Amino acid sequence: ALLAERVAGLEHKIGASELRRIIPDFDDIKYRSHALRVLVERSTKVASATRILLDNDPKKIDNLSQPIDVKIIAEQFLNMNITVDNLFMANNAKNSALLSDYHTLRGETHFEEGTYIIMLYEDLFTSALYNFYRNSNRAVSSNTKPLIYIRGRDLTDKIELVFGDNGAGMNEDTRRAILERRSIVSGEG
């Protein structure tokens, strides 16, 4: 986070065009520092949620829960992770012979009209999103037009979120085991 702040500060103080003249790789440094900050933030949230889950204490989760807008968090999460992954993949492709194998990852969100504010522990929600994202990212790795999406519906008494991709899919037994209804907070999931 400090590196990203310093890069932004330099850009503000000196100006982006002057920095590009002095440091030809400035844009690359700027994107890398941002990507590193995002990865650290993501890792921190996942670690925090893991610690809470290991405590196996629903009351602790309830105490940490607050009203959050899952639509905004899901949209920001997907956009941020797609951007970071594309930056890393493009950089890796430039530095190796992978360029012909690299396909830009796309993300889409679609939320029907409604209210998406619910009581939830945000780090736990982010951790769940990350697990779905990681699985989808692996599933689309061989696709020439990889797509990961999140769809949402306000069902009045609950919210339905669908996290998907255009990967090859999975067999029915695996799908059934994964899609068993589970709760990430106390009460109904």
Protein backbone atom coordinates (compact mmCIF):
# COMPACT_ATOMS: atom_id res chain seq x y z
CA ALA A 1 0.00 0.00 0.00
CA LEU A 2 2.87 2.35 0.82
CA LEU A 3 4.49 1.77 -2.58
CA ALA A 4 1.21 2.53 -4.37
CA GLU A 5 0.76 5.72 -2.31
CA ARG A 6 4.30 6.88 -3.07
CA VAL A 7 3.90 6.23 -6.80
CA ALA A 8 0.61 8.17 -6.79
CA GLY A 9 2.27 10.97 -4.81
CA LEU A 10 5.14 11.21 -7.30
CA GLU A 11 2.71 11.28 -10.19
CA HIS A 12 0.72 14.08 -8.55
CA LYS A 13 3.82 16.08 -7.59
CA ILE A 14 5.88 15.74 -10.78
CA GLY A 15 3.27 14.81 -13.35
CA ALA A 16 2.79 11.58 -15.26
CA SER A 17 4.34 12.78 -18.52
CA GLU A 18 7.52 13.97 -16.77
CA LEU A 19 7.77 10.71 -14.84
CA ARG A 20 7.41 8.73 -18.08
CA ARG A 21 10.29 10.77 -19.54
CA ILE A 22 12.52 10.14 -16.50
CA ILE A 23 11.39 6.55 -15.85
CA PRO A 24 10.40 4.82 -19.11
CA ASP A 25 8.75 1.95 -17.18
CA PHE A 26 6.68 4.29 -14.98
CA ASP A 27 3.28 2.96 -16.11
CA ASP A 28 4.44 -0.60 -15.48
CA ILE A 29 5.69 0.34 -11.99
CA LYS A 30 2.41 2.15 -11.28
CA TYR A 31 0.28 -0.83 -12.32
CA ARG A 32 2.48 -3.31 -10.46
CA SER A 33 2.35 -1.28 -7.23
CA HIS A 34 -1.44 -1.09 -7.51
CA ALA A 35 -1.67 -4.82 -8.21
CA LEU A 36 0.51 -5.62 -5.21
CA ARG A 37 -1.64 -3.43 -2.97
CA VAL A 38 -4.77 -5.22 -4.20
CA LEU A 39 -3.21 -8.63 -3.59
CA VAL A 40 -2.19 -7.69 -0.06
CA GLU A 41 -5.68 -6.36 0.72
CA ARG A 42 -7.30 -9.48 -0.74
CA SER A 43 -4.97 -11.78 1.21
CA THR A 44 -5.64 -9.87 4.44
CA LYS A 45 -9.41 -10.27 4.05
CA VAL A 46 -9.11 -13.98 3.25
CA ALA A 47 -6.81 -14.53 6.26
CA SER A 48 -9.18 -12.63 8.56
CA ALA A 49 -12.17 -14.65 7.38
CA THR A 50 -10.25 -17.92 7.74
CA ARG A 51 -9.37 -17.10 11.36
CA ILE A 52 -13.02 -16.40 12.14
CA LEU A 53 -14.19 -19.60 10.43
CA LEU A 54 -11.63 -21.65 12.35
CA ASP A 55 -13.05 -20.26 15.60
CA ASN A 56 -16.36 -21.90 14.60
CA ASP A 57 -18.29 -19.27 16.55
CA PRO A 58 -21.45 -18.01 14.77
CA LYS A 59 -21.92 -15.33 17.45
CA LYS A 60 -18.54 -13.84 16.57
CA ILE A 61 -19.59 -13.72 12.92
CA ASP A 62 -22.89 -12.08 13.90
CA ASN A 63 -20.99 -9.50 15.99
CA LEU A 64 -18.72 -8.65 13.03
CA SER A 65 -21.61 -8.48 10.58
CA GLN A 66 -22.85 -5.11 9.41
CA PRO A 67 -25.11 -3.87 6.62
CA ILE A 68 -23.22 -4.21 3.35
CA ASP A 69 -24.26 -3.76 -0.26
CA VAL A 70 -23.31 -7.11 -1.83
CA LYS A 71 -23.93 -5.70 -5.31
CA ILE A 72 -21.31 -2.97 -4.92
CA ILE A 73 -18.82 -5.29 -3.23
CA ALA A 74 -19.29 -8.03 -5.86
CA GLU A 75 -18.94 -5.57 -8.77
CA GLN A 76 -15.82 -3.94 -7.31
CA PHE A 77 -14.35 -7.32 -6.41
CA LEU A 78 -14.78 -8.77 -9.90
CA ASN A 79 -13.52 -5.65 -11.70
CA MET A 80 -10.48 -5.37 -9.43
CA ASN A 81 -9.52 -9.04 -9.69
CA ILE A 82 -10.00 -9.20 -13.48
CA THR A 83 -7.82 -6.09 -13.86
CA VAL A 84 -5.07 -7.40 -11.58
CA ASP A 85 -5.03 -10.85 -13.18
CA ASN A 86 -4.93 -9.39 -16.69
CA LEU A 87 -2.03 -7.12 -15.70
CA PHE A 88 -0.06 -10.05 -14.30
CA MET A 89 -0.85 -12.32 -17.23
CA ALA A 90 0.00 -9.67 -19.80
CA ASN A 91 3.29 -8.97 -18.01
CA ASN A 92 4.13 -12.69 -17.84
CA ALA A 93 3.25 -13.07 -21.52
CA LYS A 94 5.56 -10.18 -22.44
CA ASN A 95 8.42 -11.73 -20.51
CA SER A 96 8.06 -15.17 -22.06
CA ALA A 97 6.86 -16.99 -25.11
CA LEU A 98 3.32 -17.21 -23.63
CA LEU A 99 1.93 -14.24 -25.56
CA SER A 100 0.23 -16.43 -28.16
CA ASP A 101 -1.39 -18.52 -25.37
CA TYR A 102 -2.65 -15.55 -23.34
CA HIS A 103 -6.30 -14.53 -23.70
CA THR A 104 -7.70 -11.48 -21.92
CA LEU A 105 -10.00 -12.45 -19.07
CA ARG A 106 -13.38 -10.69 -19.14
CA GLY A 107 -15.75 -10.08 -16.26
CA GLU A 108 -19.44 -9.21 -16.33
CA THR A 109 -21.92 -8.37 -13.62
CA HIS A 110 -25.67 -8.13 -13.95
CA PHE A 111 -27.94 -7.34 -11.03
CA GLU A 112 -31.67 -7.09 -11.49
CA GLU A 113 -33.43 -4.10 -9.98
CA GLY A 114 -33.61 -4.41 -6.21
CA THR A 115 -31.96 -3.84 -2.86
CA TYR A 116 -28.78 -5.76 -2.13
CA ILE A 117 -28.02 -4.57 1.39
CA ILE A 118 -27.83 -7.37 3.95
CA MET A 119 -26.20 -8.03 7.32
CA LEU A 120 -22.96 -9.83 6.58
CA TYR A 121 -19.34 -10.01 7.69
CA GLU A 122 -17.61 -8.37 4.71
CA ASP A 123 -14.28 -10.22 5.00
CA LEU A 124 -16.10 -13.55 5.01
CA PHE A 125 -18.12 -12.53 1.95
CA THR A 126 -14.94 -11.38 0.18
CA SER A 127 -13.27 -14.68 1.06
CA ALA A 128 -16.19 -16.61 -0.44
CA LEU A 129 -16.09 -14.43 -3.57
CA TYR A 130 -12.38 -15.06 -3.89
CA ASN A 131 -12.85 -18.84 -3.68
CA PHE A 132 -15.49 -18.74 -6.41
CA TYR A 133 -13.30 -16.42 -8.48
CA ARG A 134 -10.23 -18.63 -8.13
CA ASN A 135 -12.20 -21.72 -9.16
CA SER A 136 -13.71 -19.91 -12.15
CA ASN A 137 -10.34 -18.54 -13.17
CA ARG A 138 -8.93 -22.07 -13.25
CA ALA A 139 -11.97 -23.34 -15.16
CA VAL A 140 -11.58 -20.80 -17.97
CA SER A 141 -7.80 -21.03 -18.29
CA SER A 142 -7.94 -22.98 -21.56
CA ASN A 143 -10.80 -20.95 -23.05
CA THR A 144 -9.93 -18.55 -25.89
CA LYS A 145 -12.55 -16.05 -24.69
CA PRO A 146 -12.53 -16.52 -20.90
CA LEU A 147 -15.45 -14.97 -19.03
CA ILE A 148 -16.29 -14.84 -15.33
CA TYR A 149 -19.61 -13.36 -14.27
CA ILE A 150 -21.72 -12.53 -11.23
CA ARG A 151 -25.48 -12.20 -11.47
CA GLY A 152 -27.83 -11.10 -8.70
CA ARG A 153 -31.54 -11.07 -7.93
CA ASP A 154 -33.41 -9.50 -5.04
CA LEU A 155 -35.94 -12.15 -4.01
CA THR A 156 -37.52 -9.85 -1.36
CA ASP A 157 -36.71 -12.04 1.66
CA LYS A 158 -33.25 -13.09 0.40
CA ILE A 159 -30.67 -12.31 -2.24
CA GLU A 160 -29.60 -14.76 -4.94
CA LEU A 161 -26.06 -14.47 -6.28
CA VAL A 162 -24.82 -16.60 -9.16
CA PHE A 163 -21.09 -16.78 -9.74
CA GLY A 164 -20.24 -18.44 -13.04
CA ASP A 165 -17.88 -18.79 -15.95
CA ASN A 166 -17.71 -20.17 -19.48
CA GLY A 167 -15.32 -22.96 -18.56
CA ALA A 168 -15.75 -26.62 -19.51
CA GLY A 169 -18.01 -27.36 -16.56
CA MET A 170 -18.03 -30.21 -14.05
CA ASN A 171 -19.68 -33.58 -13.71
CA GLU A 172 -23.04 -33.88 -11.95
CA ASP A 173 -21.69 -35.44 -8.70
CA THR A 174 -19.17 -32.64 -8.24
CA ARG A 175 -21.79 -30.01 -9.05
CA ARG A 176 -24.24 -31.48 -6.50
CA ALA A 177 -21.58 -31.57 -3.75
CA ILE A 178 -20.49 -28.00 -4.39
CA LEU A 179 -23.95 -26.54 -4.70
CA GLU A 180 -25.32 -27.96 -1.46
CA ARG A 181 -26.97 -25.11 0.37
CA ARG A 182 -24.59 -23.79 3.02
CA SER A 183 -24.67 -20.76 5.25
CA ILE A 184 -21.70 -18.40 5.64
CA VAL A 185 -23.43 -16.61 8.49
CA SER A 186 -25.71 -17.93 11.18
CA GLY A 187 -29.21 -18.67 10.01
CA GLU A 188 -30.41 -19.60 6.55
CA GLY A 189 -27.85 -19.34 3.67
